Amino acid sequence: MTSDSSDQTWGSLAAFTAAFVLYLRTMPRTITLEDVGLFQMACHIGGISHPPGYPTFTLFCQGLVAISPLPPIISVNA
């Protein structure tokens, strides 16, 4: 690994970490308005949100809520 490649890797990691920390600090901690709140509810209680229903998102999200020790809203937003 050359020095340029190593610098690029560390720079990429620093940019990702900064963006992730910023997202965690600003993500909603409660139910939000419009479709996002509807998707959060569908993930927590199951069911289909509205057509087309986004079945892949809903199945993934329900699984995440089931295994996460965090509150459902934080699990869905994170």
Protein backbone atom coordinates (compact mmCIF):
# COMPACT_ATOMS: atom_id res chain seq x y z
CA MET A 1 0.00 0.00 0.00
CA THR A 2 1.46 3.34 -0.99
CA SER A 3 1.32 6.53 1.02
CA ASP A 4 -1.20 8.11 -1.38
CA SER A 5 -3.52 5.12 -1.08
CA SER A 6 -3.23 5.14 2.71
CA ASP A 7 -4.00 8.88 2.85
CA GLN A 8 -7.03 8.38 0.62
CA THR A 9 -8.29 5.55 2.84
CA TRP A 10 -7.96 7.63 6.01
CA GLY A 11 -9.57 10.62 4.31
CA SER A 12 -12.50 8.51 3.17
CA LEU A 13 -12.90 7.03 6.65
CA ALA A 14 -12.79 10.50 8.24
CA ALA A 15 -15.43 11.83 5.81
CA PHE A 16 -17.72 8.83 6.45
CA THR A 17 -17.32 9.15 10.23
CA ALA A 18 -18.06 12.89 10.18
CA ALA A 19 -21.18 12.38 8.06
CA PHE A 20 -22.40 9.50 10.24
CA VAL A 21 -21.91 11.48 13.46
CA LEU A 22 -23.74 14.46 11.95
CA TYR A 23 -26.63 12.18 10.93
CA LEU A 24 -26.86 10.61 14.39
CA ARG A 25 -26.93 14.06 16.02
CA THR A 26 -29.71 15.35 13.74
CA MET A 27 -31.91 12.27 13.13
CA PRO A 28 -35.52 12.49 14.39
CA ARG A 29 -36.13 10.85 17.74
CA THR A 30 -39.94 10.78 17.41
CA ILE A 31 -42.54 10.06 14.72
CA THR A 32 -42.26 12.58 11.92
CA LEU A 33 -44.88 13.87 9.51
CA GLU A 34 -46.14 12.52 6.18
CA ASP A 35 -44.89 9.25 4.67
CA VAL A 36 -41.94 8.78 7.00
CA GLY A 37 -44.24 8.48 10.01
CA LEU A 38 -46.44 6.04 8.11
CA PHE A 39 -43.43 3.87 7.21
CA GLN A 40 -42.23 3.95 10.83
CA MET A 41 -45.66 2.80 12.00
CA ALA A 42 -45.79 0.02 9.39
CA CYS A 43 -42.37 -1.19 10.54
CA HIS A 44 -43.40 -1.20 14.19
CA ILE A 45 -46.84 -2.81 13.96
CA GLY A 46 -46.56 -4.60 10.62
CA GLY A 47 -48.78 -4.35 7.59
CA ILE A 48 -48.56 -2.42 4.36
CA SER A 49 -48.08 1.31 4.46
CA HIS A 50 -49.74 2.32 1.17
CA PRO A 51 -49.46 1.29 -2.48
CA PRO A 52 -46.97 0.20 -3.67
CA GLY A 53 -46.21 -0.57 -0.02
CA TYR A 54 -42.44 -0.93 -0.36
CA PRO A 55 -42.46 -4.60 0.76
CA THR A 56 -38.68 -5.02 0.84
CA PHE A 57 -38.24 -1.97 3.06
CA THR A 58 -41.09 -3.05 5.35
CA LEU A 59 -39.76 -6.62 5.76
CA PHE A 60 -36.22 -5.42 6.42
CA CYS A 61 -37.43 -2.79 8.84
CA GLN A 62 -39.68 -5.21 10.78
CA GLY A 63 -36.75 -7.57 11.20
CA LEU A 64 -34.54 -4.74 12.40
CA VAL A 65 -37.14 -3.58 14.93
CA ALA A 66 -37.57 -7.16 16.19
CA ILE A 67 -33.86 -7.70 16.93
CA SER A 68 -32.85 -4.21 18.03
CA PRO A 69 -32.70 -3.33 21.74
CA LEU A 70 -33.32 0.34 20.85
CA PRO A 71 -36.78 1.91 20.72
CA PRO A 72 -38.52 1.24 17.37
CA ILE A 73 -38.34 4.85 16.17
CA ILE A 74 -34.59 5.06 16.73
CA SER A 75 -34.09 1.64 15.11
CA VAL A 76 -36.03 2.63 11.99
CA ASN A 77 -34.35 6.03 11.63
CA ALA A 78 -30.84 4.74 12.26
